[in-house]
Structure formats: C-alpha cells, structure tokens
Amino acid sequence: MAESTVPTEYQAKPVSNREDLRGDERYLAPPVDIYETKEELIAIADLPGVDKENINVRVENDELTIEGKVRHA
C-alpha cells in the first residue's frame, strides 16, 4: 500500500490584506543625482523638510543608504 502524503484535514489560515505599519512613520525614495569625479562621489538628494543635522548617510556592502527624519512642529 502506498503512503499518503496528502493531509486528511485541511485548515485554512486567516489571510489579512492589511499591512502593519510602524506607527506614523512613512518611507519614500527621494530623487537622487549621483556624480563621480576622480576624487569623490557626489550625491544630491531632494529631502524637503529635513535639516542637515537629521540626515544619516552610510555605505554598507556597496549599498548607499540616505536616511532623513522630518521634525514636525
């Protein structure tokens, strides 16, 4: 007799169409122009409402990440 690999009872898991978000944070990919010269790499990002003190720029595993936080009044 062959072994049965099909379960005898199927229980469907509930599916949620709602995505859980982290509070009121919002993410977007701003337009960025990147230029390379012999001496440096220049990145110009459009980050309206972000003070330069609230910008974090890092490179990890050849990936450039620019993070900025808008301070609401």
N, C-alpha and C. Protein backbone atom coordinates (compact mmCIF):
# COMPACT_ATOMS: atom_id res chain seq x y z
N MET A 1 0.85 -1.18 0.00
CA MET A 1 0.00 0.00 0.00
C MET A 1 0.89 1.24 0.00
N ALA A 2 0.57 2.22 -0.83
CA ALA A 2 1.35 3.45 -0.95
C ALA A 2 1.06 4.39 0.22
N GLU A 3 2.09 5.13 0.58
CA GLU A 3 1.95 6.07 1.69
C GLU A 3 1.23 7.32 1.20
N SER A 4 0.31 7.83 1.98
CA SER A 4 -0.44 9.04 1.62
C SER A 4 0.29 10.26 2.15
N THR A 5 0.58 11.20 1.27
CA THR A 5 1.25 12.43 1.68
C THR A 5 0.28 13.61 1.73
N VAL A 6 -0.97 13.38 1.43
CA VAL A 6 -1.97 14.44 1.47
C VAL A 6 -2.64 14.42 2.84
N PRO A 7 -2.66 15.55 3.53
CA PRO A 7 -3.30 15.56 4.85
C PRO A 7 -4.79 15.28 4.72
N THR A 8 -5.32 14.61 5.71
CA THR A 8 -6.74 14.25 5.66
C THR A 8 -7.63 15.44 6.01
N GLU A 9 -7.09 16.41 6.76
CA GLU A 9 -7.90 17.56 7.14
C GLU A 9 -7.12 18.83 6.79
N TYR A 10 -7.75 19.74 6.08
CA TYR A 10 -7.10 20.98 5.67
C TYR A 10 -7.67 22.13 6.50
N GLN A 11 -6.77 22.91 7.13
CA GLN A 11 -7.21 24.07 7.90
C GLN A 11 -6.63 25.31 7.25
N ALA A 12 -7.48 26.14 6.73
CA ALA A 12 -7.04 27.37 6.08
C ALA A 12 -6.61 28.38 7.14
N LYS A 13 -5.51 29.07 6.87
CA LYS A 13 -5.05 30.12 7.77
C LYS A 13 -5.71 31.43 7.38
N PRO A 14 -6.07 32.25 8.38
CA PRO A 14 -6.69 33.54 8.04
C PRO A 14 -5.69 34.42 7.30
N VAL A 15 -6.20 35.11 6.28
CA VAL A 15 -5.37 35.98 5.46
C VAL A 15 -5.77 37.42 5.74
N SER A 16 -4.76 38.25 6.00
CA SER A 16 -5.01 39.66 6.25
C SER A 16 -4.52 40.47 5.06
N ASN A 17 -5.35 41.35 4.55
CA ASN A 17 -4.95 42.22 3.45
C ASN A 17 -4.37 43.53 3.98
N ARG A 18 -4.36 43.70 5.30
CA ARG A 18 -3.87 44.92 5.91
C ARG A 18 -2.40 44.77 6.24
N GLU A 19 -1.60 45.77 5.85
CA GLU A 19 -0.18 45.75 6.16
C GLU A 19 0.04 46.50 7.48
N ASP A 20 0.75 45.87 8.42
CA ASP A 20 1.06 46.53 9.67
C ASP A 20 2.19 47.53 9.45
N LEU A 21 1.99 48.74 9.90
CA LEU A 21 2.98 49.80 9.75
C LEU A 21 3.60 50.12 11.10
N ARG A 22 4.76 50.71 11.06
CA ARG A 22 5.45 51.12 12.28
C ARG A 22 5.00 52.51 12.68
N GLY A 23 3.94 52.61 13.43
CA GLY A 23 3.49 53.91 13.90
C GLY A 23 3.12 54.83 12.76
N ASP A 24 3.50 56.10 12.91
CA ASP A 24 3.17 57.10 11.90
C ASP A 24 4.32 57.33 10.92
N GLU A 25 5.35 56.48 10.94
CA GLU A 25 6.48 56.66 10.06
C GLU A 25 6.10 56.36 8.61
N ARG A 26 6.67 57.15 7.72
CA ARG A 26 6.43 56.94 6.30
C ARG A 26 7.77 56.90 5.59
N TYR A 27 7.85 56.12 4.54
CA TYR A 27 9.09 55.94 3.80
C TYR A 27 8.87 56.32 2.35
N LEU A 28 9.90 56.94 1.76
CA LEU A 28 9.85 57.24 0.34
C LEU A 28 11.26 57.22 -0.21
N ALA A 29 11.35 57.04 -1.49
CA ALA A 29 12.64 57.06 -2.18
C ALA A 29 12.74 58.38 -2.91
N PRO A 30 13.51 59.34 -2.36
CA PRO A 30 13.59 60.65 -2.99
C PRO A 30 14.44 60.60 -4.25
N PRO A 31 14.24 61.59 -5.14
CA PRO A 31 15.10 61.66 -6.32
C PRO A 31 16.54 61.97 -5.89
N VAL A 32 17.50 61.25 -6.43
CA VAL A 32 18.91 61.43 -6.09
C VAL A 32 19.73 61.47 -7.38
N ASP A 33 20.61 62.47 -7.48
CA ASP A 33 21.58 62.55 -8.57
C ASP A 33 22.93 62.16 -8.00
N ILE A 34 23.65 61.26 -8.67
CA ILE A 34 24.96 60.82 -8.21
C ILE A 34 25.97 61.08 -9.31
N TYR A 35 27.05 61.79 -8.94
CA TYR A 35 28.12 62.12 -9.87
C TYR A 35 29.43 61.57 -9.32
N GLU A 36 30.28 61.11 -10.20
CA GLU A 36 31.58 60.61 -9.80
C GLU A 36 32.67 61.43 -10.46
N THR A 37 33.62 61.90 -9.64
CA THR A 37 34.79 62.60 -10.16
C THR A 37 36.01 61.73 -9.86
N LYS A 38 37.19 62.21 -10.22
CA LYS A 38 38.40 61.44 -9.92
C LYS A 38 38.64 61.33 -8.42
N GLU A 39 38.20 62.32 -7.65
CA GLU A 39 38.47 62.36 -6.22
C GLU A 39 37.33 61.90 -5.33
N GLU A 40 36.07 62.00 -5.83
CA GLU A 40 34.94 61.76 -4.92
C GLU A 40 33.68 61.32 -5.65
N LEU A 41 32.73 60.90 -4.85
CA LEU A 41 31.39 60.56 -5.31
C LEU A 41 30.46 61.61 -4.70
N ILE A 42 29.64 62.25 -5.51
CA ILE A 42 28.75 63.31 -5.03
C ILE A 42 27.32 62.83 -5.20
N ALA A 43 26.55 62.87 -4.11
CA ALA A 43 25.13 62.51 -4.14
C ALA A 43 24.31 63.73 -3.75
N ILE A 44 23.36 64.11 -4.61
CA ILE A 44 22.47 65.23 -4.33
C ILE A 44 21.06 64.66 -4.23
N ALA A 45 20.49 64.73 -3.01
CA ALA A 45 19.16 64.17 -2.77
C ALA A 45 18.17 65.28 -2.44
N ASP A 46 16.95 65.14 -2.94
CA ASP A 46 15.89 66.10 -2.66
C ASP A 46 15.15 65.63 -1.41
N LEU A 47 15.43 66.26 -0.26
CA LEU A 47 14.82 65.88 1.01
C LEU A 47 14.14 67.09 1.65
N PRO A 48 12.99 67.51 1.13
CA PRO A 48 12.33 68.70 1.67
C PRO A 48 11.90 68.49 3.12
N GLY A 49 12.15 69.51 3.95
CA GLY A 49 11.75 69.46 5.35
C GLY A 49 12.72 68.75 6.26
N VAL A 50 13.85 68.28 5.73
CA VAL A 50 14.83 67.56 6.54
C VAL A 50 16.03 68.48 6.77
N ASP A 51 16.35 68.73 8.05
CA ASP A 51 17.54 69.51 8.39
C ASP A 51 18.78 68.66 8.19
N LYS A 52 19.92 69.29 7.86
CA LYS A 52 21.13 68.51 7.61
C LYS A 52 21.59 67.76 8.87
N GLU A 53 21.20 68.22 10.05
CA GLU A 53 21.54 67.51 11.28
C GLU A 53 20.76 66.20 11.43
N ASN A 54 19.67 66.05 10.68
CA ASN A 54 18.81 64.86 10.77
C ASN A 54 19.00 63.92 9.58
N ILE A 55 20.15 64.01 8.91
CA ILE A 55 20.44 63.14 7.77
C ILE A 55 21.55 62.16 8.16
N ASN A 56 21.35 60.90 7.84
CA ASN A 56 22.34 59.85 8.08
C ASN A 56 22.68 59.23 6.72
N VAL A 57 23.95 59.28 6.34
CA VAL A 57 24.41 58.71 5.08
C VAL A 57 25.42 57.62 5.41
N ARG A 58 25.23 56.43 4.84
CA ARG A 58 26.17 55.33 5.10
C ARG A 58 26.27 54.43 3.87
N VAL A 59 27.40 53.74 3.79
CA VAL A 59 27.64 52.76 2.74
C VAL A 59 27.99 51.44 3.41
N GLU A 60 27.23 50.40 3.12
CA GLU A 60 27.46 49.07 3.66
C GLU A 60 27.30 48.06 2.53
N ASN A 61 28.28 47.20 2.35
CA ASN A 61 28.22 46.17 1.30
C ASN A 61 27.93 46.77 -0.07
N ASP A 62 28.60 47.86 -0.39
CA ASP A 62 28.43 48.56 -1.68
C ASP A 62 27.03 49.10 -1.89
N GLU A 63 26.29 49.37 -0.80
CA GLU A 63 24.94 49.92 -0.90
C GLU A 63 24.89 51.25 -0.17
N LEU A 64 24.49 52.30 -0.87
CA LEU A 64 24.36 53.63 -0.31
C LEU A 64 22.99 53.79 0.31
N THR A 65 22.95 54.22 1.58
CA THR A 65 21.68 54.47 2.27
C THR A 65 21.69 55.91 2.75
N ILE A 66 20.64 56.65 2.40
CA ILE A 66 20.44 58.02 2.87
C ILE A 66 19.15 58.04 3.67
N GLU A 67 19.25 58.42 4.93
CA GLU A 67 18.09 58.43 5.81
C GLU A 67 17.93 59.83 6.38
N GLY A 68 16.73 60.35 6.31
CA GLY A 68 16.45 61.67 6.86
C GLY A 68 15.16 61.66 7.65
N LYS A 69 15.14 62.43 8.71
CA LYS A 69 13.93 62.50 9.55
C LYS A 69 13.41 63.93 9.56
N VAL A 70 12.12 64.05 9.29
CA VAL A 70 11.46 65.36 9.30
C VAL A 70 10.97 65.61 10.73
N ARG A 71 11.27 66.78 11.24
CA ARG A 71 10.79 67.17 12.58
C ARG A 71 9.50 67.97 12.40
N HIS A 72 8.43 67.45 12.99
CA HIS A 72 7.14 68.14 12.92
C HIS A 72 7.02 69.12 14.08
N ALA A 73 6.49 70.28 13.81
CA ALA A 73 6.36 71.32 14.85
C ALA A 73 5.19 71.04 15.77
